[in-house]
Amino acid sequence: MPSTVTVGRFDSDDIADVTKILREFDGEAASQLPQLRRRQVFNYSDLYVHMQDWDVADAAEAYRMTTTDPRCIHLNERLAAFFGEYTAAEGWDGPIDQPAAERFYLWPAERLENLEQTYSAVIVNTQRQEHIPETSRLFAESDATDIPQSMGTLRRQIYLWRGIYLHIQDFADADPSKSISKVWADGDPRFLQLVDDLTQIIPPYDPDGHSLATRFYHWAAEVSA
């Protein structure tokens, strides 16, 4: 079940307006889009992260749905008043013409069951494209252990867009920060080493704050019994 992830400038003062628009859409039009299974919107520093999960063949078809369906086009037009453009992070070494974030890491490869009953946590940092192989290697090694299970991580996706690194984890708990805080408190040496290794190639987006984005909107399609 692919996700489309878009990122841009955002003023947190506009959360109420954006929430109202999305509630209206998801309460009416979303029921006419059975392929749309979940929507989450986050804010972090001066950014928004808009994540949509689609029950379609691949990411290309998911993006096509969000940009060609008349209902989605109208929604995008309304959101454009609040969702601004982000050019590129300083030192970005990749393309700047990608319309959405590109996923470069997925674990596990199998489809996530009961996605509509899960919640995502989004960690925001920066990364150069040249570091994709090393980032992928570090996570693949970690995900081959019991660390994901001990955290309660059901799915991990990592995206990169114009130098913005988005680490998205799905949890059963509506407040994933509890699971993230617990793994820090437990102090597993393997986890701490992973963090140290990643810090060398994934600098913070906001050096003065933490890296966890705030989810301010969540909608999921109803699941038939």
C-alpha atoms as a PDB file:
ATOM      1  CA  MET A   1       0.000   0.000   0.000  1.00  0.00           C
ATOM      2  CA  PRO A   2       2.077   2.946  -1.256  1.00  0.00           C
ATOM      3  CA  SER A   3       2.177   6.349   0.372  1.00  0.00           C
ATOM      4  CA  THR A   4       2.436   9.756  -1.243  1.00  0.00           C
ATOM      5  CA  VAL A   5       4.375  12.253   0.850  1.00  0.00           C
ATOM      6  CA  THR A   6       4.559  15.963   0.071  1.00  0.00           C
ATOM      7  CA  VAL A   7       6.501  18.617   1.956  1.00  0.00           C
ATOM      8  CA  GLY A   8       6.578  22.403   1.958  1.00  0.00           C
ATOM      9  CA  ARG A   9       6.558  25.584   3.956  1.00  0.00           C
ATOM     10  CA  PHE A  10       3.863  25.957   6.581  1.00  0.00           C
ATOM     11  CA  ASP A  11       2.824  28.353   9.322  1.00  0.00           C
ATOM     12  CA  SER A  12       1.493  26.492  12.357  1.00  0.00           C
ATOM     13  CA  ASP A  13      -1.006  29.323  12.871  1.00  0.00           C
ATOM     14  CA  ASP A  14      -2.890  27.848   9.903  1.00  0.00           C
ATOM     15  CA  ILE A  15      -3.475  24.431  11.488  1.00  0.00           C
ATOM     16  CA  ALA A  16      -7.137  25.150  12.254  1.00  0.00           C
ATOM     17  CA  ASP A  17      -7.880  26.252   8.675  1.00  0.00           C
ATOM     18  CA  VAL A  18      -6.128  23.250   7.137  1.00  0.00           C
ATOM     19  CA  THR A  19      -7.846  20.862   9.547  1.00  0.00           C
ATOM     20  CA  LYS A  20     -11.247  22.296   8.614  1.00  0.00           C
ATOM     21  CA  ILE A  21     -10.578  21.830   4.893  1.00  0.00           C
ATOM     22  CA  LEU A  22      -9.413  18.254   5.347  1.00  0.00           C
ATOM     23  CA  ARG A  23     -12.303  17.295   7.610  1.00  0.00           C
ATOM     24  CA  GLU A  24     -14.761  18.573   5.039  1.00  0.00           C
ATOM     25  CA  PHE A  25     -13.053  16.641   2.254  1.00  0.00           C
ATOM     26  CA  ASP A  26     -12.523  13.395   4.135  1.00  0.00           C
ATOM     27  CA  GLY A  27     -16.054  13.527   5.519  1.00  0.00           C
ATOM     28  CA  GLU A  28     -17.564  13.804   2.059  1.00  0.00           C
ATOM     29  CA  ALA A  29     -15.359  13.166  -0.965  1.00  0.00           C
ATOM     30  CA  ALA A  30     -13.053  10.581   0.592  1.00  0.00           C
ATOM     31  CA  SER A  31     -15.901   8.074   0.804  1.00  0.00           C
ATOM     32  CA  GLN A  32     -16.069   8.285  -2.989  1.00  0.00           C
ATOM     33  CA  LEU A  33     -12.362   7.424  -3.204  1.00  0.00           C
ATOM     34  CA  PRO A  34     -12.211   3.870  -1.839  1.00  0.00           C
ATOM     35  CA  GLN A  35      -8.530   3.598  -2.758  1.00  0.00           C
ATOM     36  CA  LEU A  36      -7.632   6.296  -0.205  1.00  0.00           C
ATOM     37  CA  ARG A  37      -7.100   4.493   3.091  1.00  0.00           C
ATOM     38  CA  ARG A  38      -5.457   7.009   5.400  1.00  0.00           C
ATOM     39  CA  ARG A  39      -4.348  10.627   5.580  1.00  0.00           C
ATOM     40  CA  GLN A  40      -2.049  12.241   8.132  1.00  0.00           C
ATOM     41  CA  VAL A  41      -0.652  15.765   8.262  1.00  0.00           C
ATOM     42  CA  PHE A  42       2.252  16.876  10.424  1.00  0.00           C
ATOM     43  CA  ASN A  43       3.980  20.146  11.139  1.00  0.00           C
ATOM     44  CA  TYR A  44       7.618  20.567  12.046  1.00  0.00           C
ATOM     45  CA  SER A  45       9.483  23.847  12.431  1.00  0.00           C
ATOM     46  CA  ASP A  46       8.423  25.787   9.299  1.00  0.00           C
ATOM     47  CA  LEU A  47       7.349  22.694   7.344  1.00  0.00           C
ATOM     48  CA  TYR A  48       4.286  20.557   6.733  1.00  0.00           C
ATOM     49  CA  VAL A  49       4.346  16.852   5.838  1.00  0.00           C
ATOM     50  CA  HIS A  50       1.223  15.537   4.092  1.00  0.00           C
ATOM     51  CA  MET A  51       1.049  11.735   3.956  1.00  0.00           C
ATOM     52  CA  GLN A  52      -1.621   9.769   2.089  1.00  0.00           C
ATOM     53  CA  ASP A  53      -1.853   5.962   1.904  1.00  0.00           C
ATOM     54  CA  TRP A  54      -3.482   4.446  -1.162  1.00  0.00           C
ATOM     55  CA  ASP A  55      -4.637   0.924  -1.954  1.00  0.00           C
ATOM     56  CA  VAL A  56      -3.242   0.964  -5.487  1.00  0.00           C
ATOM     57  CA  ALA A  57      -0.508  -0.861  -7.398  1.00  0.00           C
ATOM     58  CA  ASP A  58       2.424   1.460  -6.805  1.00  0.00           C
ATOM     59  CA  ALA A  59       3.585   4.949  -5.837  1.00  0.00           C
ATOM     60  CA  ALA A  60       3.229   6.222  -9.401  1.00  0.00           C
ATOM     61  CA  GLU A  61      -0.459   5.325  -9.479  1.00  0.00           C
ATOM     62  CA  ALA A  62      -0.953   6.829  -6.025  1.00  0.00           C
ATOM     63  CA  TYR A  63       0.582  10.103  -7.178  1.00  0.00           C
ATOM     64  CA  ARG A  64      -1.548  10.034 -10.310  1.00  0.00           C
ATOM     65  CA  MET A  65      -4.664   9.744  -8.154  1.00  0.00           C
ATOM     66  CA  THR A  66      -3.693  12.748  -6.030  1.00  0.00           C
ATOM     67  CA  THR A  67      -2.994  14.933  -9.053  1.00  0.00           C
ATOM     68  CA  THR A  68      -5.577  13.924 -11.676  1.00  0.00           C
ATOM     69  CA  ASP A  69      -8.758  13.059  -9.793  1.00  0.00           C
ATOM     70  CA  PRO A  70     -10.967  16.195  -9.934  1.00  0.00           C
ATOM     71  CA  ARG A  71     -11.824  15.935  -6.233  1.00  0.00           C
ATOM     72  CA  CYS A  72      -8.169  15.728  -5.254  1.00  0.00           C
ATOM     73  CA  ILE A  73      -7.298  18.589  -7.582  1.00  0.00           C
ATOM     74  CA  HIS A  74      -9.885  20.774  -5.863  1.00  0.00           C
ATOM     75  CA  LEU A  75      -8.534  19.795  -2.447  1.00  0.00           C
ATOM     76  CA  ASN A  76      -4.984  20.621  -3.528  1.00  0.00           C
ATOM     77  CA  GLU A  77      -6.140  24.012  -4.765  1.00  0.00           C
ATOM     78  CA  ARG A  78      -7.713  24.811  -1.392  1.00  0.00           C
ATOM     79  CA  LEU A  79      -4.644  23.640   0.517  1.00  0.00           C
ATOM     80  CA  ALA A  80      -2.319  25.668  -1.718  1.00  0.00           C
ATOM     81  CA  ALA A  81      -3.396  28.798   0.149  1.00  0.00           C
ATOM     82  CA  PHE A  82      -1.625  27.407   3.225  1.00  0.00           C
ATOM     83  CA  PHE A  83       0.962  24.943   1.895  1.00  0.00           C
ATOM     84  CA  GLY A  84       3.936  26.854   0.519  1.00  0.00           C
ATOM     85  CA  GLU A  85       6.830  25.880  -1.725  1.00  0.00           C
ATOM     86  CA  TYR A  86      10.162  24.663  -0.372  1.00  0.00           C
ATOM     87  CA  THR A  87      13.086  25.050  -2.763  1.00  0.00           C
ATOM     88  CA  ALA A  88      15.914  22.840  -1.482  1.00  0.00           C
ATOM     89  CA  ALA A  89      18.046  22.323   1.599  1.00  0.00           C
ATOM     90  CA  GLU A  90      21.481  23.919   1.565  1.00  0.00           C
ATOM     91  CA  GLY A  91      24.005  21.584  -0.038  1.00  0.00           C
ATOM     92  CA  TRP A  92      21.354  19.380  -1.650  1.00  0.00           C
ATOM     93  CA  ASP A  93      23.015  17.215  -4.303  1.00  0.00           C
ATOM     94  CA  GLY A  94      19.957  15.752  -6.008  1.00  0.00           C
ATOM     95  CA  PRO A  95      17.127  16.767  -8.349  1.00  0.00           C
ATOM     96  CA  ILE A  96      14.814  19.650  -7.511  1.00  0.00           C
ATOM     97  CA  ASP A  97      12.052  18.779  -9.976  1.00  0.00           C
ATOM     98  CA  GLN A  98      10.533  15.867  -8.054  1.00  0.00           C
ATOM     99  CA  PRO A  99       6.919  16.761  -7.141  1.00  0.00           C
ATOM    100  CA  ALA A 100       6.823  14.509  -4.077  1.00  0.00           C
ATOM    101  CA  ALA A 101       9.222  12.859  -1.664  1.00  0.00           C
ATOM    102  CA  GLU A 102      10.838   9.665  -2.940  1.00  0.00           C
ATOM    103  CA  ARG A 103      11.017   6.582  -0.761  1.00  0.00           C
ATOM    104  CA  PHE A 104      14.409   4.904  -0.669  1.00  0.00           C
ATOM    105  CA  TYR A 105      13.921   2.475   2.220  1.00  0.00           C
ATOM    106  CA  LEU A 106      11.071   0.172   3.245  1.00  0.00           C
ATOM    107  CA  TRP A 107      10.859  -2.427   6.005  1.00  0.00           C
ATOM    108  CA  PRO A 108       9.344  -4.953   5.977  1.00  0.00           C
ATOM    109  CA  ALA A 109       8.703  -5.593   2.297  1.00  0.00           C
ATOM    110  CA  GLU A 110       5.333  -7.228   3.000  1.00  0.00           C
ATOM    111  CA  ARG A 111       2.104  -5.244   2.949  1.00  0.00           C
ATOM    112  CA  LEU A 112       1.174  -3.687   6.284  1.00  0.00           C
ATOM    113  CA  GLU A 113      -2.080  -5.230   7.464  1.00  0.00           C
ATOM    114  CA  ASN A 114      -4.726  -3.135   9.237  1.00  0.00           C
ATOM    115  CA  LEU A 115      -3.014   0.075   8.143  1.00  0.00           C
ATOM    116  CA  GLU A 116      -6.189   2.006   8.904  1.00  0.00           C
ATOM    117  CA  GLN A 117      -5.702   1.154  12.587  1.00  0.00           C
ATOM    118  CA  THR A 118      -2.107   2.408  12.785  1.00  0.00           C
ATOM    119  CA  TYR A 119      -0.500   5.785  13.406  1.00  0.00           C
ATOM    120  CA  SER A 120       2.711   7.257  12.070  1.00  0.00           C
ATOM    121  CA  ALA A 121       5.605   9.076  13.665  1.00  0.00           C
ATOM    122  CA  VAL A 122       7.696  11.307  11.403  1.00  0.00           C
ATOM    123  CA  ILE A 123      11.288  12.256  12.164  1.00  0.00           C
ATOM    124  CA  VAL A 124      12.593  15.206  10.151  1.00  0.00           C
ATOM    125  CA  ASN A 125      16.263  15.836   9.439  1.00  0.00           C
ATOM    126  CA  THR A 126      18.414  16.616   6.407  1.00  0.00           C
ATOM    127  CA  GLN A 127      20.432  14.308   4.189  1.00  0.00           C
ATOM    128  CA  ARG A 128      22.408  14.359   0.973  1.00  0.00           C
ATOM    129  CA  GLN A 129      21.452  11.974  -1.799  1.00  0.00           C
ATOM    130  CA  GLU A 130      24.951  10.472  -1.798  1.00  0.00           C
ATOM    131  CA  HIS A 131      24.301   9.049   1.673  1.00  0.00           C
ATOM    132  CA  ILE A 132      21.272   6.960   0.669  1.00  0.00           C
ATOM    133  CA  PRO A 133      23.259   3.687   0.416  1.00  0.00           C
ATOM    134  CA  GLU A 134      24.842   4.109   3.848  1.00  0.00           C
ATOM    135  CA  THR A 135      21.584   5.111   5.517  1.00  0.00           C
ATOM    136  CA  SER A 136      19.857   2.113   3.944  1.00  0.00           C
ATOM    137  CA  ARG A 137      22.632  -0.219   5.068  1.00  0.00           C
ATOM    138  CA  LEU A 138      22.509   0.978   8.668  1.00  0.00           C
ATOM    139  CA  PHE A 139      18.754   0.533   8.896  1.00  0.00           C
ATOM    140  CA  ALA A 140      18.788  -2.835   7.139  1.00  0.00           C
ATOM    141  CA  GLU A 141      21.284  -4.139   9.682  1.00  0.00           C
ATOM    142  CA  SER A 142      19.235  -2.787  12.579  1.00  0.00           C
ATOM    143  CA  ASP A 143      15.932  -4.056  11.185  1.00  0.00           C
ATOM    144  CA  ALA A 144      17.405  -7.547  10.910  1.00  0.00           C
ATOM    145  CA  THR A 145      17.551  -7.617  14.733  1.00  0.00           C
ATOM    146  CA  ASP A 146      14.732  -7.476  17.291  1.00  0.00           C
ATOM    147  CA  ILE A 147      14.999  -3.687  17.691  1.00  0.00           C
ATOM    148  CA  PRO A 148      11.904  -2.875  15.568  1.00  0.00           C
ATOM    149  CA  GLN A 149       9.799  -5.374  17.508  1.00  0.00           C
ATOM    150  CA  SER A 150      10.997  -4.014  20.840  1.00  0.00           C
ATOM    151  CA  MET A 151       9.943  -0.527  19.734  1.00  0.00           C
ATOM    152  CA  GLY A 152       6.619  -1.707  18.367  1.00  0.00           C
ATOM    153  CA  THR A 153       7.518  -0.538  14.862  1.00  0.00           C
ATOM    154  CA  LEU A 154       5.163  -2.148  12.331  1.00  0.00           C
ATOM    155  CA  ARG A 155       6.542  -0.468   9.219  1.00  0.00           C
ATOM    156  CA  ARG A 156       9.457   1.828   8.454  1.00  0.00           C
ATOM    157  CA  GLN A 157       9.655   4.068   5.399  1.00  0.00           C
ATOM    158  CA  ILE A 158      12.371   6.607   4.694  1.00  0.00           C
ATOM    159  CA  TYR A 159      11.897   9.368   2.152  1.00  0.00           C
ATOM    160  CA  LEU A 160      14.114  12.098   0.769  1.00  0.00           C
ATOM    161  CA  TRP A 161      12.967  15.271  -0.914  1.00  0.00           C
ATOM    162  CA  ARG A 162      15.188  18.207  -1.809  1.00  0.00           C
ATOM    163  CA  GLY A 163      17.484  17.441   1.088  1.00  0.00           C
ATOM    164  CA  ILE A 164      14.748  16.839   3.660  1.00  0.00           C
ATOM    165  CA  TYR A 165      14.965  13.420   5.297  1.00  0.00           C
ATOM    166  CA  LEU A 166      11.680  11.905   6.481  1.00  0.00           C
ATOM    167  CA  HIS A 167      11.798   8.788   8.648  1.00  0.00           C
ATOM    168  CA  ILE A 168       8.246   7.445   8.958  1.00  0.00           C
ATOM    169  CA  GLN A 169       7.378   4.635  11.363  1.00  0.00           C
ATOM    170  CA  ASP A 170       3.940   3.089  11.843  1.00  0.00           C
ATOM    171  CA  PHE A 171       2.740   2.006  15.283  1.00  0.00           C
ATOM    172  CA  ALA A 172      -0.433   0.545  16.765  1.00  0.00           C
ATOM    173  CA  ASP A 173      -0.369   3.201  19.497  1.00  0.00           C
ATOM    174  CA  ALA A 174      -1.968   6.546  18.656  1.00  0.00           C
ATOM    175  CA  ASP A 175       0.893   8.254  20.511  1.00  0.00           C
ATOM    176  CA  PRO A 176       4.094   6.825  18.988  1.00  0.00           C
ATOM    177  CA  SER A 177       6.227   9.174  21.062  1.00  0.00           C
ATOM    178  CA  LYS A 178       5.735   6.776  23.989  1.00  0.00           C
ATOM    179  CA  SER A 179       7.464   3.971  22.102  1.00  0.00           C
ATOM    180  CA  ILE A 180      10.237   6.250  20.919  1.00  0.00           C
ATOM    181  CA  SER A 181      10.823   7.597  24.426  1.00  0.00           C
ATOM    182  CA  LYS A 182      10.932   4.074  25.833  1.00  0.00           C
ATOM    183  CA  VAL A 183      13.683   2.879  23.505  1.00  0.00           C
ATOM    184  CA  TRP A 184      15.777   5.880  24.528  1.00  0.00           C
ATOM    185  CA  ALA A 185      15.123   5.148  28.194  1.00  0.00           C
ATOM    186  CA  ASP A 186      16.020   1.475  27.756  1.00  0.00           C
ATOM    187  CA  GLY A 187      19.386   2.499  26.339  1.00  0.00           C
ATOM    188  CA  ASP A 188      19.916  -0.521  24.078  1.00  0.00           C
ATOM    189  CA  PRO A 189      23.581  -0.160  22.976  1.00  0.00           C
ATOM    190  CA  ARG A 190      22.675  -1.286  19.451  1.00  0.00           C
ATOM    191  CA  PHE A 191      20.074   1.456  19.125  1.00  0.00           C
ATOM    192  CA  LEU A 192      22.395   4.104  20.547  1.00  0.00           C
ATOM    193  CA  GLN A 193      25.128   3.048  18.119  1.00  0.00           C
ATOM    194  CA  LEU A 194      22.679   3.302  15.228  1.00  0.00           C
ATOM    195  CA  VAL A 195      21.785   6.831  16.277  1.00  0.00           C
ATOM    196  CA  ASP A 196      25.466   7.779  16.546  1.00  0.00           C
ATOM    197  CA  ASP A 197      26.195   6.385  13.089  1.00  0.00           C
ATOM    198  CA  LEU A 198      23.211   8.122  11.511  1.00  0.00           C
ATOM    199  CA  THR A 199      24.054  11.449  13.133  1.00  0.00           C
ATOM    200  CA  GLN A 200      27.239  11.555  11.058  1.00  0.00           C
ATOM    201  CA  ILE A 201      25.299  11.621   7.781  1.00  0.00           C
ATOM    202  CA  ILE A 202      21.869  12.984   8.763  1.00  0.00           C
ATOM    203  CA  PRO A 203      22.228  16.469  10.291  1.00  0.00           C
ATOM    204  CA  PRO A 204      19.238  18.085  12.019  1.00  0.00           C
ATOM    205  CA  TYR A 205      16.856  20.323  10.100  1.00  0.00           C
ATOM    206  CA  ASP A 206      16.320  22.392  13.225  1.00  0.00           C
ATOM    207  CA  PRO A 207      19.482  22.304  15.373  1.00  0.00           C
ATOM    208  CA  ASP A 208      17.667  23.981  18.263  1.00  0.00           C
ATOM    209  CA  GLY A 209      14.798  21.493  18.518  1.00  0.00           C
ATOM    210  CA  HIS A 210      14.040  17.786  18.533  1.00  0.00           C
ATOM    211  CA  SER A 211      13.404  15.945  15.277  1.00  0.00           C
ATOM    212  CA  LEU A 212       9.903  14.544  15.869  1.00  0.00           C
ATOM    213  CA  ALA A 213       7.122  16.182  13.870  1.00  0.00           C
ATOM    214  CA  THR A 214       3.715  16.871  15.407  1.00  0.00           C
ATOM    215  CA  ARG A 215       0.721  15.133  13.872  1.00  0.00           C
ATOM    216  CA  PHE A 216      -2.233  17.511  13.828  1.00  0.00           C
ATOM    217  CA  TYR A 217      -4.564  15.632  11.492  1.00  0.00           C
ATOM    218  CA  HIS A 218      -5.435  11.950  11.119  1.00  0.00           C
ATOM    219  CA  TRP A 219      -8.154  10.296   9.089  1.00  0.00           C
ATOM    220  CA  ALA A 220      -8.577   6.630   8.193  1.00  0.00           C
ATOM    221  CA  ALA A 221     -11.135   4.870   6.054  1.00  0.00           C
ATOM    222  CA  GLU A 222     -13.593   2.565   7.721  1.00  0.00           C
ATOM    223  CA  VAL A 223     -12.716  -1.104   7.525  1.00  0.00           C
ATOM    224  CA  SER A 224     -15.478  -3.518   6.572  1.00  0.00           C
ATOM    225  CA  ALA A 225     -16.189  -6.193   9.165  1.00  0.00           C
END
